Amino acid sequence: RTFTRRFQKSIGTSFGDWLADQRVALAQRLL
């Protein structure tokens, strides 16, 4: 619960969406 609240406040999105964005960014570099 604390991590989720801190993550939303710091990053402005959910951990799941952030993780997907990071993975898309890595896939872009590999492509």
PDB file of all heavy atoms in Angstrom:
ATOM      1  N   ARG A   1       0.822  -1.208   0.000  1.00  0.00           N
ATOM      2  CA  ARG A   1       0.000   0.000   0.000  1.00  0.00           C
ATOM      3  C   ARG A   1       0.860   1.264   0.000  1.00  0.00           C
ATOM      4  O   ARG A   1       0.592   2.213  -0.757  1.00  0.00           O
ATOM      5  CB  ARG A   1      -0.912  -0.013   1.222  1.00  0.00           C
ATOM      6  CG  ARG A   1      -1.859   1.174   1.305  1.00  0.00           C
ATOM      7  CD  ARG A   1      -2.779   1.044   2.508  1.00  0.00           C
ATOM      8  NE  ARG A   1      -3.676   2.183   2.621  1.00  0.00           N
ATOM      9  CZ  ARG A   1      -4.561   2.337   3.576  1.00  0.00           C
ATOM     10  NH1 ARG A   1      -4.684   1.417   4.519  1.00  0.00           N
ATOM     11  NH2 ARG A   1      -5.342   3.398   3.600  1.00  0.00           N
ATOM     12  N   THR A   2       1.903   1.286   0.841  1.00  0.00           N
ATOM     13  CA  THR A   2       2.781   2.464   0.902  1.00  0.00           C
ATOM     14  C   THR A   2       3.519   2.660  -0.414  1.00  0.00           C
ATOM     15  O   THR A   2       3.648   3.773  -0.916  1.00  0.00           O
ATOM     16  CB  THR A   2       3.796   2.321   2.054  1.00  0.00           C
ATOM     17  OG1 THR A   2       3.083   2.189   3.278  1.00  0.00           O
ATOM     18  CG2 THR A   2       4.713   3.523   2.118  1.00  0.00           C
ATOM     19  N   PHE A   3       4.009   1.558  -0.991  1.00  0.00           N
ATOM     20  CA  PHE A   3       4.728   1.636  -2.263  1.00  0.00           C
ATOM     21  C   PHE A   3       3.805   2.174  -3.361  1.00  0.00           C
ATOM     22  O   PHE A   3       4.199   3.038  -4.149  1.00  0.00           O
ATOM     23  CB  PHE A   3       5.265   0.268  -2.661  1.00  0.00           C
ATOM     24  CG  PHE A   3       5.967   0.259  -3.985  1.00  0.00           C
ATOM     25  CD1 PHE A   3       7.302   0.616  -4.080  1.00  0.00           C
ATOM     26  CD2 PHE A   3       5.288  -0.106  -5.146  1.00  0.00           C
ATOM     27  CE1 PHE A   3       7.955   0.619  -5.305  1.00  0.00           C
ATOM     28  CE2 PHE A   3       5.929  -0.116  -6.374  1.00  0.00           C
ATOM     29  CZ  PHE A   3       7.270   0.240  -6.456  1.00  0.00           C
ATOM     30  N   THR A   4       2.586   1.661  -3.416  1.00  0.00           N
ATOM     31  CA  THR A   4       1.635   2.103  -4.440  1.00  0.00           C
ATOM     32  C   THR A   4       1.354   3.591  -4.311  1.00  0.00           C
ATOM     33  O   THR A   4       1.328   4.327  -5.311  1.00  0.00           O
ATOM     34  CB  THR A   4       0.319   1.311  -4.322  1.00  0.00           C
ATOM     35  OG1 THR A   4       0.589  -0.076  -4.528  1.00  0.00           O
ATOM     36  CG2 THR A   4      -0.691   1.783  -5.365  1.00  0.00           C
ATOM     37  N   ARG A   5       1.153   4.056  -3.072  1.00  0.00           N
ATOM     38  CA  ARG A   5       0.894   5.480  -2.843  1.00  0.00           C
ATOM     39  C   ARG A   5       2.104   6.327  -3.217  1.00  0.00           C
ATOM     40  O   ARG A   5       1.982   7.369  -3.880  1.00  0.00           O
ATOM     41  CB  ARG A   5       0.510   5.698  -1.377  1.00  0.00           C
ATOM     42  CG  ARG A   5       0.077   7.125  -1.068  1.00  0.00           C
ATOM     43  CD  ARG A   5      -0.588   7.213   0.288  1.00  0.00           C
ATOM     44  NE  ARG A   5       0.273   6.736   1.359  1.00  0.00           N
ATOM     45  CZ  ARG A   5       0.035   5.630   2.074  1.00  0.00           C
ATOM     46  NH1 ARG A   5      -1.034   4.896   1.811  1.00  0.00           N
ATOM     47  NH2 ARG A   5       0.856   5.257   3.038  1.00  0.00           N
ATOM     48  N   ARG A   6       3.307   5.885  -2.812  1.00  0.00           N
ATOM     49  CA  ARG A   6       4.533   6.619  -3.129  1.00  0.00           C
ATOM     50  C   ARG A   6       4.783   6.631  -4.640  1.00  0.00           C
ATOM     51  O   ARG A   6       5.178   7.644  -5.210  1.00  0.00           O
ATOM     52  CB  ARG A   6       5.714   5.974  -2.401  1.00  0.00           C
ATOM     53  CG  ARG A   6       7.076   6.603  -2.704  1.00  0.00           C
ATOM     54  CD  ARG A   6       7.222   7.981  -2.088  1.00  0.00           C
ATOM     55  NE  ARG A   6       7.032   7.961  -0.666  1.00  0.00           N
ATOM     56  CZ  ARG A   6       7.954   7.574   0.239  1.00  0.00           C
ATOM     57  NH1 ARG A   6       9.133   7.147  -0.173  1.00  0.00           N
ATOM     58  NH2 ARG A   6       7.679   7.604   1.527  1.00  0.00           N
ATOM     59  N   PHE A   7       4.537   5.503  -5.272  1.00  0.00           N
ATOM     60  CA  PHE A   7       4.778   5.402  -6.707  1.00  0.00           C
ATOM     61  C   PHE A   7       3.848   6.344  -7.470  1.00  0.00           C
ATOM     62  O   PHE A   7       4.281   7.069  -8.379  1.00  0.00           O
ATOM     63  CB  PHE A   7       4.564   3.954  -7.180  1.00  0.00           C
ATOM     64  CG  PHE A   7       5.154   3.680  -8.532  1.00  0.00           C
ATOM     65  CD1 PHE A   7       6.430   3.142  -8.655  1.00  0.00           C
ATOM     66  CD2 PHE A   7       4.442   3.961  -9.688  1.00  0.00           C
ATOM     67  CE1 PHE A   7       6.984   2.902  -9.899  1.00  0.00           C
ATOM     68  CE2 PHE A   7       4.994   3.727 -10.936  1.00  0.00           C
ATOM     69  CZ  PHE A   7       6.257   3.191 -11.041  1.00  0.00           C
ATOM     70  N   GLN A   8       2.578   6.337  -7.107  1.00  0.00           N
ATOM     71  CA  GLN A   8       1.608   7.206  -7.786  1.00  0.00           C
ATOM     72  C   GLN A   8       1.972   8.675  -7.596  1.00  0.00           C
ATOM     73  O   GLN A   8       1.899   9.482  -8.532  1.00  0.00           O
ATOM     74  CB  GLN A   8       0.211   6.939  -7.242  1.00  0.00           C
ATOM     75  CG  GLN A   8      -0.885   7.778  -7.908  1.00  0.00           C
ATOM     76  CD  GLN A   8      -1.090   7.428  -9.356  1.00  0.00           C
ATOM     77  OE1 GLN A   8      -1.128   6.263  -9.711  1.00  0.00           O
ATOM     78  NE2 GLN A   8      -1.216   8.435 -10.205  1.00  0.00           N
ATOM     79  N   LYS A   9       2.397   9.034  -6.395  1.00  0.00           N
ATOM     80  CA  LYS A   9       2.753  10.416  -6.114  1.00  0.00           C
ATOM     81  C   LYS A   9       4.027  10.825  -6.841  1.00  0.00           C
ATOM     82  O   LYS A   9       4.138  11.944  -7.354  1.00  0.00           O
ATOM     83  CB  LYS A   9       2.935  10.611  -4.601  1.00  0.00           C
ATOM     84  CG  LYS A   9       3.278  12.042  -4.201  1.00  0.00           C
ATOM     85  CD  LYS A   9       3.400  12.182  -2.699  1.00  0.00           C
ATOM     86  CE  LYS A   9       3.754  13.613  -2.297  1.00  0.00           C
ATOM     87  NZ  LYS A   9       3.881  13.750  -0.825  1.00  0.00           N
ATOM     88  N   SER A  10       5.005   9.925  -6.923  1.00  0.00           N
ATOM     89  CA  SER A  10       6.300  10.262  -7.514  1.00  0.00           C
ATOM     90  C   SER A  10       6.289  10.184  -9.032  1.00  0.00           C
ATOM     91  O   SER A  10       6.870  11.031  -9.708  1.00  0.00           O
ATOM     92  CB  SER A  10       7.393   9.318  -6.977  1.00  0.00           C
ATOM     93  OG  SER A  10       7.517   9.435  -5.585  1.00  0.00           O
ATOM     94  N   ILE A  11       5.649   9.158  -9.579  1.00  0.00           N
ATOM     95  CA  ILE A  11       5.709   8.902 -11.006  1.00  0.00           C
ATOM     96  C   ILE A  11       4.453   9.376 -11.721  1.00  0.00           C
ATOM     97  O   ILE A  11       4.479   9.725 -12.890  1.00  0.00           O
ATOM     98  CB  ILE A  11       5.918   7.392 -11.296  1.00  0.00           C
ATOM     99  CG1 ILE A  11       7.076   6.855 -10.447  1.00  0.00           C
ATOM    100  CG2 ILE A  11       6.189   7.149 -12.769  1.00  0.00           C
ATOM    101  CD1 ILE A  11       8.415   7.491 -10.734  1.00  0.00           C
ATOM    102  N   GLY A  12       3.329   9.404 -11.019  1.00  0.00           N
ATOM    103  CA  GLY A  12       2.102   9.891 -11.606  1.00  0.00           C
ATOM    104  C   GLY A  12       1.320   8.864 -12.383  1.00  0.00           C
ATOM    105  O   GLY A  12       0.429   9.212 -13.161  1.00  0.00           O
ATOM    106  N   THR A  13       1.648   7.581 -12.201  1.00  0.00           N
ATOM    107  CA  THR A  13       0.928   6.516 -12.885  1.00  0.00           C
ATOM    108  C   THR A  13       1.022   5.262 -12.038  1.00  0.00           C
ATOM    109  O   THR A  13       1.609   5.281 -10.955  1.00  0.00           O
ATOM    110  CB  THR A  13       1.521   6.281 -14.291  1.00  0.00           C
ATOM    111  OG1 THR A  13       0.691   5.379 -15.012  1.00  0.00           O
ATOM    112  CG2 THR A  13       2.940   5.734 -14.217  1.00  0.00           C
ATOM    113  N   SER A  14       0.452   4.163 -12.504  1.00  0.00           N
ATOM    114  CA  SER A  14       0.529   2.915 -11.745  1.00  0.00           C
ATOM    115  C   SER A  14       1.831   2.190 -12.047  1.00  0.00           C
ATOM    116  O   SER A  14       2.471   2.418 -13.091  1.00  0.00           O
ATOM    117  CB  SER A  14      -0.644   2.008 -12.110  1.00  0.00           C
ATOM    118  OG  SER A  14      -0.512   1.531 -13.445  1.00  0.00           O
ATOM    119  N   PHE A  15       2.228   1.296 -11.156  1.00  0.00           N
ATOM    120  CA  PHE A  15       3.444   0.520 -11.384  1.00  0.00           C
ATOM    121  C   PHE A  15       3.315  -0.319 -12.657  1.00  0.00           C
ATOM    122  O   PHE A  15       4.263  -0.428 -13.440  1.00  0.00           O
ATOM    123  CB  PHE A  15       3.730  -0.397 -10.187  1.00  0.00           C
ATOM    124  CG  PHE A  15       4.875  -1.343 -10.427  1.00  0.00           C
ATOM    125  CD1 PHE A  15       6.176  -0.887 -10.438  1.00  0.00           C
ATOM    126  CD2 PHE A  15       4.634  -2.693 -10.664  1.00  0.00           C
ATOM    127  CE1 PHE A  15       7.242  -1.759 -10.681  1.00  0.00           C
ATOM    128  CE2 PHE A  15       5.675  -3.568 -10.904  1.00  0.00           C
ATOM    129  CZ  PHE A  15       6.985  -3.101 -10.910  1.00  0.00           C
ATOM    130  N   GLY A  16       2.143  -0.898 -12.898  1.00  0.00           N
ATOM    131  CA  GLY A  16       1.950  -1.725 -14.080  1.00  0.00           C
ATOM    132  C   GLY A  16       2.125  -0.944 -15.370  1.00  0.00           C
ATOM    133  O   GLY A  16       2.774  -1.416 -16.310  1.00  0.00           O
ATOM    134  N   ASP A  17       1.559   0.260 -15.421  1.00  0.00           N
ATOM    135  CA  ASP A  17       1.707   1.079 -16.626  1.00  0.00           C
ATOM    136  C   ASP A  17       3.157   1.526 -16.814  1.00  0.00           C
ATOM    137  O   ASP A  17       3.679   1.553 -17.927  1.00  0.00           O
ATOM    138  CB  ASP A  17       0.798   2.304 -16.547  1.00  0.00           C
ATOM    139  CG  ASP A  17      -0.643   1.969 -16.870  1.00  0.00           C
ATOM    140  OD1 ASP A  17      -0.888   0.885 -17.431  1.00  0.00           O
ATOM    141  OD2 ASP A  17      -1.526   2.784 -16.547  1.00  0.00           O
ATOM    142  N   TRP A  18       3.802   1.904 -15.714  1.00  0.00           N
ATOM    143  CA  TRP A  18       5.211   2.308 -15.794  1.00  0.00           C
ATOM    144  C   TRP A  18       6.074   1.165 -16.297  1.00  0.00           C
ATOM    145  O   TRP A  18       6.938   1.355 -17.162  1.00  0.00           O
ATOM    146  CB  TRP A  18       5.685   2.771 -14.420  1.00  0.00           C
ATOM    147  CG  TRP A  18       7.151   3.093 -14.356  1.00  0.00           C
ATOM    148  CD1 TRP A  18       7.757   4.274 -14.684  1.00  0.00           C
ATOM    149  CD2 TRP A  18       8.204   2.212 -13.925  1.00  0.00           C
ATOM    150  NE1 TRP A  18       9.111   4.188 -14.486  1.00  0.00           N
ATOM    151  CE2 TRP A  18       9.420   2.930 -14.020  1.00  0.00           C
ATOM    152  CE3 TRP A  18       8.237   0.895 -13.472  1.00  0.00           C
ATOM    153  CZ2 TRP A  18      10.644   2.377 -13.680  1.00  0.00           C
ATOM    154  CZ3 TRP A  18       9.457   0.333 -13.131  1.00  0.00           C
ATOM    155  CH2 TRP A  18      10.645   1.060 -13.234  1.00  0.00           C
ATOM    156  N   LEU A  19       5.857  -0.046 -15.771  1.00  0.00           N
ATOM    157  CA  LEU A  19       6.637  -1.204 -16.182  1.00  0.00           C
ATOM    158  C   LEU A  19       6.436  -1.487 -17.669  1.00  0.00           C
ATOM    159  O   LEU A  19       7.402  -1.776 -18.396  1.00  0.00           O
ATOM    160  CB  LEU A  19       6.253  -2.426 -15.352  1.00  0.00           C
ATOM    161  CG  LEU A  19       6.990  -3.736 -15.665  1.00  0.00           C
ATOM    162  CD1 LEU A  19       8.492  -3.571 -15.495  1.00  0.00           C
ATOM    163  CD2 LEU A  19       6.461  -4.857 -14.774  1.00  0.00           C
ATOM    164  N   ALA A  20       5.202  -1.391 -18.129  1.00  0.00           N
ATOM    165  CA  ALA A  20       4.932  -1.604 -19.556  1.00  0.00           C
ATOM    166  C   ALA A  20       5.641  -0.551 -20.404  1.00  0.00           C
ATOM    167  O   ALA A  20       6.202  -0.868 -21.466  1.00  0.00           O
ATOM    168  CB  ALA A  20       3.431  -1.575 -19.814  1.00  0.00           C
ATOM    169  N   ASP A  21       5.661   0.699 -19.949  1.00  0.00           N
ATOM    170  CA  ASP A  21       6.359   1.758 -20.681  1.00  0.00           C
ATOM    171  C   ASP A  21       7.859   1.477 -20.760  1.00  0.00           C
ATOM    172  O   ASP A  21       8.494   1.687 -21.803  1.00  0.00           O
ATOM    173  CB  ASP A  21       6.128   3.112 -20.012  1.00  0.00           C
ATOM    174  CG  ASP A  21       4.728   3.650 -20.257  1.00  0.00           C
ATOM    175  OD1 ASP A  21       4.084   3.191 -21.218  1.00  0.00           O
ATOM    176  OD2 ASP A  21       4.283   4.517 -19.489  1.00  0.00           O
ATOM    177  N   GLN A  22       8.444   1.030 -19.643  1.00  0.00           N
ATOM    178  CA  GLN A  22       9.867   0.719 -19.635  1.00  0.00           C
ATOM    179  C   GLN A  22      10.179  -0.419 -20.595  1.00  0.00           C
ATOM    180  O   GLN A  22      11.198  -0.420 -21.296  1.00  0.00           O
ATOM    181  CB  GLN A  22      10.316   0.351 -18.216  1.00  0.00           C
ATOM    182  CG  GLN A  22      10.169   1.458 -17.184  1.00  0.00           C
ATOM    183  CD  GLN A  22      10.963   2.695 -17.547  1.00  0.00           C
ATOM    184  OE1 GLN A  22      12.151   2.612 -17.873  1.00  0.00           O
ATOM    185  NE2 GLN A  22      10.314   3.848 -17.510  1.00  0.00           N
ATOM    186  N   ARG A  23       9.310  -1.406 -20.642  1.00  0.00           N
ATOM    187  CA  ARG A  23       9.522  -2.549 -21.533  1.00  0.00           C
ATOM    188  C   ARG A  23       9.362  -2.147 -22.991  1.00  0.00           C
ATOM    189  O   ARG A  23      10.102  -2.635 -23.862  1.00  0.00           O
ATOM    190  CB  ARG A  23       8.570  -3.681 -21.141  1.00  0.00           C
ATOM    191  CG  ARG A  23       9.024  -4.399 -19.875  1.00  0.00           C
ATOM    192  CD  ARG A  23       8.025  -5.422 -19.369  1.00  0.00           C
ATOM    193  NE  ARG A  23       8.660  -6.295 -18.371  1.00  0.00           N
ATOM    194  CZ  ARG A  23       8.008  -7.052 -17.516  1.00  0.00           C
ATOM    195  NH1 ARG A  23       6.675  -7.051 -17.521  1.00  0.00           N
ATOM    196  NH2 ARG A  23       8.661  -7.810 -16.648  1.00  0.00           N
ATOM    197  N   VAL A  24       8.418  -1.287 -23.272  1.00  0.00           N
ATOM    198  CA  VAL A  24       8.281  -0.780 -24.638  1.00  0.00           C
ATOM    199  C   VAL A  24       9.535  -0.010 -25.035  1.00  0.00           C
ATOM    200  O   VAL A  24      10.035  -0.154 -26.160  1.00  0.00           O
ATOM    201  CB  VAL A  24       7.031   0.116 -24.765  1.00  0.00           C
ATOM    202  CG1 VAL A  24       7.062   0.901 -26.078  1.00  0.00           C
ATOM    203  CG2 VAL A  24       5.765  -0.723 -24.700  1.00  0.00           C
ATOM    204  N   ALA A  25      10.070   0.792 -24.112  1.00  0.00           N
ATOM    205  CA  ALA A  25      11.284   1.549 -24.412  1.00  0.00           C
ATOM    206  C   ALA A  25      12.450   0.612 -24.723  1.00  0.00           C
ATOM    207  O   ALA A  25      13.236   0.855 -25.653  1.00  0.00           O
ATOM    208  CB  ALA A  25      11.644   2.456 -23.227  1.00  0.00           C
ATOM    209  N   LEU A  26      12.588  -0.470 -23.958  1.00  0.00           N
ATOM    210  CA  LEU A  26      13.654  -1.440 -24.228  1.00  0.00           C
ATOM    211  C   LEU A  26      13.424  -2.114 -25.575  1.00  0.00           C
ATOM    212  O   LEU A  26      14.365  -2.294 -26.361  1.00  0.00           O
ATOM    213  CB  LEU A  26      13.702  -2.486 -23.113  1.00  0.00           C
ATOM    214  CG  LEU A  26      14.685  -3.655 -23.342  1.00  0.00           C
ATOM    215  CD1 LEU A  26      16.103  -3.138 -23.551  1.00  0.00           C
ATOM    216  CD2 LEU A  26      14.629  -4.626 -22.165  1.00  0.00           C
ATOM    217  N   ALA A  27      12.190  -2.481 -25.861  1.00  0.00           N
ATOM    218  CA  ALA A  27      11.883  -3.102 -27.150  1.00  0.00           C
ATOM    219  C   ALA A  27      12.222  -2.148 -28.299  1.00  0.00           C
ATOM    220  O   ALA A  27      12.747  -2.584 -29.339  1.00  0.00           O
ATOM    221  CB  ALA A  27      10.411  -3.499 -27.208  1.00  0.00           C
ATOM    222  N   GLN A  28      11.947  -0.874 -28.128  1.00  0.00           N
ATOM    223  CA  GLN A  28      12.313   0.104 -29.155  1.00  0.00           C
ATOM    224  C   GLN A  28      13.820   0.091 -29.412  1.00  0.00           C
ATOM    225  O   GLN A  28      14.258   0.083 -30.563  1.00  0.00           O
ATOM    226  CB  GLN A  28      11.881   1.507 -28.724  1.00  0.00           C
ATOM    227  CG  GLN A  28      10.378   1.744 -28.811  1.00  0.00           C
ATOM    228  CD  GLN A  28      10.024   3.139 -28.339  1.00  0.00           C
ATOM    229  OE1 GLN A  28       9.890   3.393 -27.139  1.00  0.00           O
ATOM    230  NE2 GLN A  28       9.872   4.054 -29.276  1.00  0.00           N
ATOM    231  N   ARG A  29      14.597   0.087 -28.336  1.00  0.00           N
ATOM    232  CA  ARG A  29      16.056   0.086 -28.515  1.00  0.00           C
ATOM    233  C   ARG A  29      16.533  -1.186 -29.208  1.00  0.00           C
ATOM    234  O   ARG A  29      17.423  -1.142 -30.055  1.00  0.00           O
ATOM    235  CB  ARG A  29      16.740   0.261 -27.156  1.00  0.00           C
ATOM    236  CG  ARG A  29      16.504   1.627 -26.527  1.00  0.00           C
ATOM    237  CD  ARG A  29      17.449   1.881 -25.363  1.00  0.00           C
ATOM    238  NE  ARG A  29      17.204   0.996 -24.240  1.00  0.00           N
ATOM    239  CZ  ARG A  29      16.339   1.245 -23.273  1.00  0.00           C
ATOM    240  NH1 ARG A  29      15.595   2.335 -23.309  1.00  0.00           N
ATOM    241  NH2 ARG A  29      16.192   0.401 -22.258  1.00  0.00           N
ATOM    242  N   LEU A  30      15.947  -2.319 -28.836  1.00  0.00           N
ATOM    243  CA  LEU A  30      16.340  -3.580 -29.471  1.00  0.00           C
ATOM    244  C   LEU A  30      15.964  -3.585 -30.949  1.00  0.00           C
ATOM    245  O   LEU A  30      16.731  -4.080 -31.791  1.00  0.00           O
ATOM    246  CB  LEU A  30      15.661  -4.751 -28.752  1.00  0.00           C
ATOM    247  CG  LEU A  30      16.138  -5.019 -27.315  1.00  0.00           C
ATOM    248  CD1 LEU A  30      15.273  -6.084 -26.651  1.00  0.00           C
ATOM    249  CD2 LEU A  30      17.603  -5.456 -27.311  1.00  0.00           C
ATOM    250  N   LEU A  31      14.813  -3.039 -31.281  1.00  0.00           N
ATOM    251  CA  LEU A  31      14.394  -2.973 -32.684  1.00  0.00           C
ATOM    252  C   LEU A  31      15.273  -2.005 -33.471  1.00  0.00           C
ATOM    253  O   LEU A  31      15.555  -2.226 -34.657  1.00  0.00           O
ATOM    254  CB  LEU A  31      12.925  -2.542 -32.774  1.00  0.00           C
ATOM    255  CG  LEU A  31      11.901  -3.557 -32.263  1.00  0.00           C
ATOM    256  CD1 LEU A  31      10.526  -2.915 -32.168  1.00  0.00           C
ATOM    257  CD2 LEU A  31      11.856  -4.786 -33.165  1.00  0.00           C
TER     258      LEU A  31
END
